[in-house]
Every structure is written in C-alpha cells, then in structure tokens.
Amino acid sequence: MSVEDRYFDGLFSGNDDPWAFRQRWYEQRKRAITLAALPRPHYRAIFEPGCANGELSAELASRCSRLLCCDTAAAAVKLAQTRLSLFEHVEVRQNRLPGHWPEEKFDLIVFSEIGYYLDREDLTEVIRHIGNSLTADGQLLACHWRPPIEGCPLNARQVHDQIHEQLALPRLVLHQEADFILEVWSREPRSVAALEGLR
C-alpha cells in the first residue's frame, strides 16, 4: 500500500522544511549533482511531482521555459507557491499520484525522492504515465535515498530497477553513492559529447 497523505501532512505540520533541504550540505550537494546531471542546459517544459517546499524547483525554474510542480500535501503546495512566486513560468498544483497526472507533454520529468512511497502497483501506473507524457526527445531523471525507509513499500533499488525495465529507454546517466542513486533515461540516446560533435 502506498504511503497515505496523512504521513506527509504530519511532516509539514509546524515545519516548513521537514527534510532540512535548506540547511543540510547533503541536500545542497545532491541538488547540485542533480542539476549537473541534466544533459541539456535548457528544457521547454519540466514536470516535478513531489516538489515539497520547492527548493529543487527553484533551481529547475532557471533551466526551463515552463515548470509544473505538484505535491500531495496542502502545506507543501503553499510553501512551494510562496517559494516560486517570483517565477511567472512556474505553476504549483496539489495532486496525488498516480491518480492526478497532468495531460501535458514534457521534455523532462524529475522524479526525485518519491518512488519508494508508492507501492508496486501505483509505481507501475506512474511509470506508464511518465512514458506517455515524455516528448519525442524527452528525458526522465530519477533520484532516491538508498538506505531503507521505515514504512515505505519499496526501496531505491527496486524503484530504479522497475523504471529501467518498464520504461525501456536508453540510460544516459548513472550516479551511485552510499546515500543515493541518480539516473537519467532519454528518448534521445546520444550523449552530451556526441550531440556537440566531440565524438
């Protein structure tokens, strides 16, 4: 069973940064690695489900012409809307996955730190949505904490293995540490160097 909304509501109850995104060097560094792993300097449209309070979203906003973010927790949505209010090309919605998936197409979907909160059935549905939502040259970045999380149906390895098998797209990036794994899959299989004529 996927983790229920009340879990996330509880995290944000009286706490505007429950994972200490702003304070922890671990989180600051991971955001920098996430942004550096993106194969393109700019995207037409990015979708970031599970945006929490919008810290990564604010960085993604400078890399695209349109950014759609969502979170299941009402408090998180309000925090993200405040954090991103200076960006006219950013929209934040309250959506729970997989049921409330946008109908738009995106050339980048950032699926960060939420896959293990879903059970296998819901994750299967989310990956199906991802496949249907990517443009002809679209990319997916997934990043997840590797140690087990109490109460979560899946772990990072299970999430990434299922994405790789079900999405069946070329993998451009694989970055793995003791703490987290980050991967990028793309419908455009050429590397950054190949696209710039270096090889």
C-alpha atoms as a PDB file:
ATOM      1  CA  MET A   1       0.000   0.000   0.000  1.00  0.00           C
ATOM      2  CA  SER A   2       1.306   3.450  -0.906  1.00  0.00           C
ATOM      3  CA  VAL A   3       2.095   5.831   1.937  1.00  0.00           C
ATOM      4  CA  GLU A   4      -1.016   7.829   2.868  1.00  0.00           C
ATOM      5  CA  ASP A   5      -1.425  11.610   2.721  1.00  0.00           C
ATOM      6  CA  ARG A   6      -1.600  11.932   6.494  1.00  0.00           C
ATOM      7  CA  TYR A   7       2.081  10.938   6.707  1.00  0.00           C
ATOM      8  CA  PHE A   8       3.103  13.920   4.572  1.00  0.00           C
ATOM      9  CA  ASP A   9       0.608  16.231   6.266  1.00  0.00           C
ATOM     10  CA  GLY A  10       2.229  15.276   9.578  1.00  0.00           C
ATOM     11  CA  LEU A  11       5.727  16.035   8.287  1.00  0.00           C
ATOM     12  CA  PHE A  12       4.710  19.563   7.293  1.00  0.00           C
ATOM     13  CA  SER A  13       2.672  20.217  10.432  1.00  0.00           C
ATOM     14  CA  GLY A  14       4.512  23.133  12.041  1.00  0.00           C
ATOM     15  CA  ASN A  15       7.642  22.530   9.927  1.00  0.00           C
ATOM     16  CA  ASP A  16       8.311  24.368   6.668  1.00  0.00           C
ATOM     17  CA  ASP A  17      11.408  22.271   5.831  1.00  0.00           C
ATOM     18  CA  PRO A  18      10.966  18.751   7.268  1.00  0.00           C
ATOM     19  CA  TRP A  19      13.930  17.282   5.359  1.00  0.00           C
ATOM     20  CA  ALA A  20      16.165  20.315   6.063  1.00  0.00           C
ATOM     21  CA  PHE A  21      16.662  20.964   2.341  1.00  0.00           C
ATOM     22  CA  ARG A  22      17.986  24.445   3.071  1.00  0.00           C
ATOM     23  CA  GLN A  23      20.299  23.601   5.986  1.00  0.00           C
ATOM     24  CA  ARG A  24      21.938  20.264   5.158  1.00  0.00           C
ATOM     25  CA  TRP A  25      25.039  20.179   2.983  1.00  0.00           C
ATOM     26  CA  TYR A  26      23.941  16.695   1.901  1.00  0.00           C
ATOM     27  CA  GLU A  27      20.797  18.187   0.344  1.00  0.00           C
ATOM     28  CA  GLN A  28      22.596  21.201  -1.155  1.00  0.00           C
ATOM     29  CA  ARG A  29      25.207  18.939  -2.727  1.00  0.00           C
ATOM     30  CA  LYS A  30      22.600  16.499  -4.038  1.00  0.00           C
ATOM     31  CA  ARG A  31      20.716  19.357  -5.711  1.00  0.00           C
ATOM     32  CA  ALA A  32      23.947  20.485  -7.371  1.00  0.00           C
ATOM     33  CA  ILE A  33      24.625  16.942  -8.620  1.00  0.00           C
ATOM     34  CA  THR A  34      21.036  16.660  -9.850  1.00  0.00           C
ATOM     35  CA  LEU A  35      21.315  19.868 -11.858  1.00  0.00           C
ATOM     36  CA  ALA A  36      24.749  18.931 -13.212  1.00  0.00           C
ATOM     37  CA  ALA A  37      23.424  15.525 -14.318  1.00  0.00           C
ATOM     38  CA  LEU A  38      20.830  17.087 -16.628  1.00  0.00           C
ATOM     39  CA  PRO A  39      22.119  16.522 -20.176  1.00  0.00           C
ATOM     40  CA  ARG A  40      20.671  19.796 -21.515  1.00  0.00           C
ATOM     41  CA  PRO A  41      21.178  23.378 -20.361  1.00  0.00           C
ATOM     42  CA  HIS A  42      17.547  24.272 -21.073  1.00  0.00           C
ATOM     43  CA  TYR A  43      14.214  22.448 -21.367  1.00  0.00           C
ATOM     44  CA  ARG A  44      10.949  23.538 -22.897  1.00  0.00           C
ATOM     45  CA  ALA A  45       8.751  22.046 -20.165  1.00  0.00           C
ATOM     46  CA  ILE A  46       9.638  20.279 -16.901  1.00  0.00           C
ATOM     47  CA  PHE A  47       7.325  18.363 -14.580  1.00  0.00           C
ATOM     48  CA  GLU A  48       8.404  17.822 -10.968  1.00  0.00           C
ATOM     49  CA  PRO A  49       5.984  15.697  -8.940  1.00  0.00           C
ATOM     50  CA  GLY A  50       6.556  15.673  -5.191  1.00  0.00           C
ATOM     51  CA  CYS A  51       8.072  19.139  -5.108  1.00  0.00           C
ATOM     52  CA  ALA A  52       7.775  19.522  -1.301  1.00  0.00           C
ATOM     53  CA  ASN A  53       8.618  23.129  -0.328  1.00  0.00           C
ATOM     54  CA  GLY A  54      10.083  23.983  -3.740  1.00  0.00           C
ATOM     55  CA  GLU A  55      13.823  24.115  -3.077  1.00  0.00           C
ATOM     56  CA  LEU A  56      14.828  21.982  -6.069  1.00  0.00           C
ATOM     57  CA  SER A  57      12.002  23.552  -8.065  1.00  0.00           C
ATOM     58  CA  ALA A  58      13.567  26.998  -7.716  1.00  0.00           C
ATOM     59  CA  GLU A  59      16.762  25.675  -9.299  1.00  0.00           C
ATOM     60  CA  LEU A  60      14.877  23.874 -12.064  1.00  0.00           C
ATOM     61  CA  ALA A  61      12.963  27.069 -12.865  1.00  0.00           C
ATOM     62  CA  SER A  62      16.121  28.646 -14.282  1.00  0.00           C
ATOM     63  CA  ARG A  63      16.579  25.702 -16.654  1.00  0.00           C
ATOM     64  CA  CYS A  64      13.240  25.780 -18.491  1.00  0.00           C
ATOM     65  CA  SER A  65      10.542  27.820 -20.197  1.00  0.00           C
ATOM     66  CA  ARG A  66       7.719  26.113 -18.260  1.00  0.00           C
ATOM     67  CA  LEU A  67       7.778  24.294 -14.915  1.00  0.00           C
ATOM     68  CA  LEU A  68       4.851  22.399 -13.442  1.00  0.00           C
ATOM     69  CA  CYS A  69       5.244  21.179  -9.864  1.00  0.00           C
ATOM     70  CA  CYS A  70       2.885  19.255  -7.643  1.00  0.00           C
ATOM     71  CA  ASP A  71       2.688  17.780  -4.182  1.00  0.00           C
ATOM     72  CA  THR A  72       0.059  15.829  -2.289  1.00  0.00           C
ATOM     73  CA  ALA A  73       0.369  17.865   0.947  1.00  0.00           C
ATOM     74  CA  ALA A  74      -1.559  21.150   1.022  1.00  0.00           C
ATOM     75  CA  ALA A  75       1.041  22.770   3.298  1.00  0.00           C
ATOM     76  CA  ALA A  76       3.851  21.809   0.905  1.00  0.00           C
ATOM     77  CA  VAL A  77       1.941  23.298  -2.035  1.00  0.00           C
ATOM     78  CA  LYS A  78       1.513  26.612  -0.208  1.00  0.00           C
ATOM     79  CA  LEU A  79       5.200  26.713   0.710  1.00  0.00           C
ATOM     80  CA  ALA A  80       6.231  25.919  -2.860  1.00  0.00           C
ATOM     81  CA  GLN A  81       3.875  28.539  -4.264  1.00  0.00           C
ATOM     82  CA  THR A  82       5.455  31.146  -1.981  1.00  0.00           C
ATOM     83  CA  ARG A  83       8.991  29.980  -2.798  1.00  0.00           C
ATOM     84  CA  LEU A  84       8.309  30.097  -6.548  1.00  0.00           C
ATOM     85  CA  SER A  85       6.095  33.178  -6.677  1.00  0.00           C
ATOM     86  CA  LEU A  86       8.747  35.253  -8.496  1.00  0.00           C
ATOM     87  CA  PHE A  87       8.751  32.877 -11.476  1.00  0.00           C
ATOM     88  CA  GLU A  88       5.923  33.642 -13.892  1.00  0.00           C
ATOM     89  CA  HIS A  89       6.509  30.435 -15.864  1.00  0.00           C
ATOM     90  CA  VAL A  90       6.047  28.142 -12.837  1.00  0.00           C
ATOM     91  CA  GLU A  91       2.792  26.538 -11.681  1.00  0.00           C
ATOM     92  CA  VAL A  92       2.277  24.537  -8.476  1.00  0.00           C
ATOM     93  CA  ARG A  93      -0.692  22.186  -8.081  1.00  0.00           C
ATOM     94  CA  GLN A  94      -1.975  19.938  -5.316  1.00  0.00           C
ATOM     95  CA  ASN A  95      -2.066  16.462  -6.887  1.00  0.00           C
ATOM     96  CA  ARG A  96      -1.733  12.930  -5.578  1.00  0.00           C
ATOM     97  CA  LEU A  97      -0.091  10.379  -7.830  1.00  0.00           C
ATOM     98  CA  PRO A  98      -0.843   8.344  -9.784  1.00  0.00           C
ATOM     99  CA  GLY A  99      -4.452   9.497  -9.991  1.00  0.00           C
ATOM    100  CA  HIS A 100      -3.940  13.184 -10.773  1.00  0.00           C
ATOM    101  CA  TRP A 101      -1.426  13.181 -13.595  1.00  0.00           C
ATOM    102  CA  PRO A 102      -1.198  16.214 -15.931  1.00  0.00           C
ATOM    103  CA  GLU A 103      -2.260  15.853 -19.550  1.00  0.00           C
ATOM    104  CA  GLU A 104       0.649  17.929 -20.886  1.00  0.00           C
ATOM    105  CA  LYS A 105       3.823  16.677 -22.569  1.00  0.00           C
ATOM    106  CA  PHE A 106       7.225  17.342 -21.010  1.00  0.00           C
ATOM    107  CA  ASP A 107      10.781  17.081 -22.293  1.00  0.00           C
ATOM    108  CA  LEU A 108      11.964  16.485 -18.705  1.00  0.00           C
ATOM    109  CA  ILE A 109      10.312  14.802 -15.733  1.00  0.00           C
ATOM    110  CA  VAL A 110      12.164  14.986 -12.405  1.00  0.00           C
ATOM    111  CA  PHE A 111      11.097  12.062 -10.220  1.00  0.00           C
ATOM    112  CA  SER A 112      13.074  12.724  -7.046  1.00  0.00           C
ATOM    113  CA  GLU A 113      12.676  11.045  -3.648  1.00  0.00           C
ATOM    114  CA  ILE A 114       9.078   9.882  -4.088  1.00  0.00           C
ATOM    115  CA  GLY A 115       9.153   6.499  -5.823  1.00  0.00           C
ATOM    116  CA  TYR A 116       9.599   4.453  -2.645  1.00  0.00           C
ATOM    117  CA  TYR A 117       6.472   5.978  -1.096  1.00  0.00           C
ATOM    118  CA  LEU A 118       4.428   4.181  -3.774  1.00  0.00           C
ATOM    119  CA  ASP A 119       3.548   0.514  -3.788  1.00  0.00           C
ATOM    120  CA  ARG A 120       4.459  -1.523  -6.856  1.00  0.00           C
ATOM    121  CA  GLU A 121       1.013  -1.118  -8.443  1.00  0.00           C
ATOM    122  CA  ASP A 122       0.994   2.666  -8.101  1.00  0.00           C
ATOM    123  CA  LEU A 123       4.604   2.906  -9.277  1.00  0.00           C
ATOM    124  CA  THR A 124       3.703   0.857 -12.359  1.00  0.00           C
ATOM    125  CA  GLU A 125       0.934   3.348 -13.122  1.00  0.00           C
ATOM    126  CA  VAL A 126       3.236   6.339 -12.560  1.00  0.00           C
ATOM    127  CA  ILE A 127       5.871   4.924 -14.922  1.00  0.00           C
ATOM    128  CA  ARG A 128       3.154   4.339 -17.525  1.00  0.00           C
ATOM    129  CA  HIS A 129       2.142   7.991 -17.169  1.00  0.00           C
ATOM    130  CA  ILE A 130       5.783   9.071 -17.485  1.00  0.00           C
ATOM    131  CA  GLY A 131       6.164   7.141 -20.716  1.00  0.00           C
ATOM    132  CA  ASN A 132       3.006   8.708 -22.139  1.00  0.00           C
ATOM    133  CA  SER A 133       3.996  12.219 -21.025  1.00  0.00           C
ATOM    134  CA  LEU A 134       7.522  12.403 -22.435  1.00  0.00           C
ATOM    135  CA  THR A 135       8.023  14.220 -25.711  1.00  0.00           C
ATOM    136  CA  ALA A 136       9.791  12.582 -28.660  1.00  0.00           C
ATOM    137  CA  ASP A 137      13.154  13.637 -27.175  1.00  0.00           C
ATOM    138  CA  GLY A 138      12.000  13.591 -23.544  1.00  0.00           C
ATOM    139  CA  GLN A 139      14.085  12.631 -20.524  1.00  0.00           C
ATOM    140  CA  LEU A 140      13.446  11.274 -17.034  1.00  0.00           C
ATOM    141  CA  LEU A 141      15.695  11.998 -14.067  1.00  0.00           C
ATOM    142  CA  ALA A 142      15.132   9.798 -11.011  1.00  0.00           C
ATOM    143  CA  CYS A 143      16.973  10.233  -7.714  1.00  0.00           C
ATOM    144  CA  HIS A 144      16.355   8.308  -4.473  1.00  0.00           C
ATOM    145  CA  TRP A 145      17.807   7.797  -0.991  1.00  0.00           C
ATOM    146  CA  ARG A 146      19.341   4.314  -0.860  1.00  0.00           C
ATOM    147  CA  PRO A 147      19.039   3.267   2.833  1.00  0.00           C
ATOM    148  CA  PRO A 148      15.678   1.678   3.717  1.00  0.00           C
ATOM    149  CA  ILE A 149      12.940   3.989   4.985  1.00  0.00           C
ATOM    150  CA  GLU A 150      10.593   2.601   7.615  1.00  0.00           C
ATOM    151  CA  GLY A 151       7.024   2.331   6.352  1.00  0.00           C
ATOM    152  CA  CYS A 152       7.887   2.660   2.657  1.00  0.00           C
ATOM    153  CA  PRO A 153       6.725  -0.176   0.377  1.00  0.00           C
ATOM    154  CA  LEU A 154       9.841  -0.054  -1.845  1.00  0.00           C
ATOM    155  CA  ASN A 155      13.497   0.912  -1.692  1.00  0.00           C
ATOM    156  CA  ALA A 156      15.562   2.960  -4.149  1.00  0.00           C
ATOM    157  CA  ARG A 157      16.983  -0.049  -5.996  1.00  0.00           C
ATOM    158  CA  GLN A 158      13.526  -1.546  -6.537  1.00  0.00           C
ATOM    159  CA  VAL A 159      12.204   1.786  -7.820  1.00  0.00           C
ATOM    160  CA  HIS A 160      15.065   2.329 -10.268  1.00  0.00           C
ATOM    161  CA  ASP A 161      15.061  -1.279 -11.479  1.00  0.00           C
ATOM    162  CA  GLN A 162      11.344  -1.066 -12.214  1.00  0.00           C
ATOM    163  CA  ILE A 163      11.742   2.246 -14.054  1.00  0.00           C
ATOM    164  CA  HIS A 164      14.590   0.849 -16.158  1.00  0.00           C
ATOM    165  CA  GLU A 165      12.699  -2.320 -17.045  1.00  0.00           C
ATOM    166  CA  GLN A 166       9.276  -0.788 -17.628  1.00  0.00           C
ATOM    167  CA  LEU A 167      10.281   2.438 -19.371  1.00  0.00           C
ATOM    168  CA  ALA A 168      12.827   0.633 -21.582  1.00  0.00           C
ATOM    169  CA  LEU A 169      14.702   3.786 -22.598  1.00  0.00           C
ATOM    170  CA  PRO A 170      18.453   4.345 -23.059  1.00  0.00           C
ATOM    171  CA  ARG A 171      20.173   5.368 -19.812  1.00  0.00           C
ATOM    172  CA  LEU A 172      22.409   8.429 -20.220  1.00  0.00           C
ATOM    173  CA  VAL A 173      23.489   8.928 -16.600  1.00  0.00           C
ATOM    174  CA  LEU A 174      24.136   6.602 -13.680  1.00  0.00           C
ATOM    175  CA  HIS A 175      25.470   8.149 -10.463  1.00  0.00           C
ATOM    176  CA  GLN A 176      25.514   5.997  -7.342  1.00  0.00           C
ATOM    177  CA  GLU A 177      26.826   6.681  -3.844  1.00  0.00           C
ATOM    178  CA  ALA A 178      26.334   5.059  -0.462  1.00  0.00           C
ATOM    179  CA  ASP A 179      23.483   7.501   0.198  1.00  0.00           C
ATOM    180  CA  PHE A 180      21.620   7.908  -3.082  1.00  0.00           C
ATOM    181  CA  ILE A 181      21.266   6.777  -6.676  1.00  0.00           C
ATOM    182  CA  LEU A 182      20.580   9.117  -9.600  1.00  0.00           C
ATOM    183  CA  GLU A 183      19.813   8.052 -13.165  1.00  0.00           C
ATOM    184  CA  VAL A 184      18.712   9.774 -16.367  1.00  0.00           C
ATOM    185  CA  TRP A 185      16.898   7.995 -19.196  1.00  0.00           C
ATOM    186  CA  SER A 186      16.263   9.625 -22.565  1.00  0.00           C
ATOM    187  CA  ARG A 187      14.415   9.100 -25.826  1.00  0.00           C
ATOM    188  CA  GLU A 188      17.386  10.902 -27.411  1.00  0.00           C
ATOM    189  CA  PRO A 189      20.116   8.283 -26.916  1.00  0.00           C
ATOM    190  CA  ARG A 190      23.158  10.383 -27.860  1.00  0.00           C
ATOM    191  CA  SER A 191      25.462  11.628 -25.122  1.00  0.00           C
ATOM    192  CA  VAL A 192      26.246  15.286 -24.466  1.00  0.00           C
ATOM    193  CA  ALA A 193      29.631  14.911 -26.160  1.00  0.00           C
ATOM    194  CA  ALA A 194      28.077  13.177 -29.176  1.00  0.00           C
ATOM    195  CA  LEU A 195      25.480  15.929 -29.568  1.00  0.00           C
ATOM    196  CA  GLU A 196      28.253  18.548 -29.529  1.00  0.00           C
ATOM    197  CA  GLY A 197      30.304  16.667 -32.129  1.00  0.00           C
ATOM    198  CA  LEU A 198      33.122  15.706 -29.773  1.00  0.00           C
ATOM    199  CA  ARG A 199      32.866  12.015 -30.661  1.00  0.00           C
END
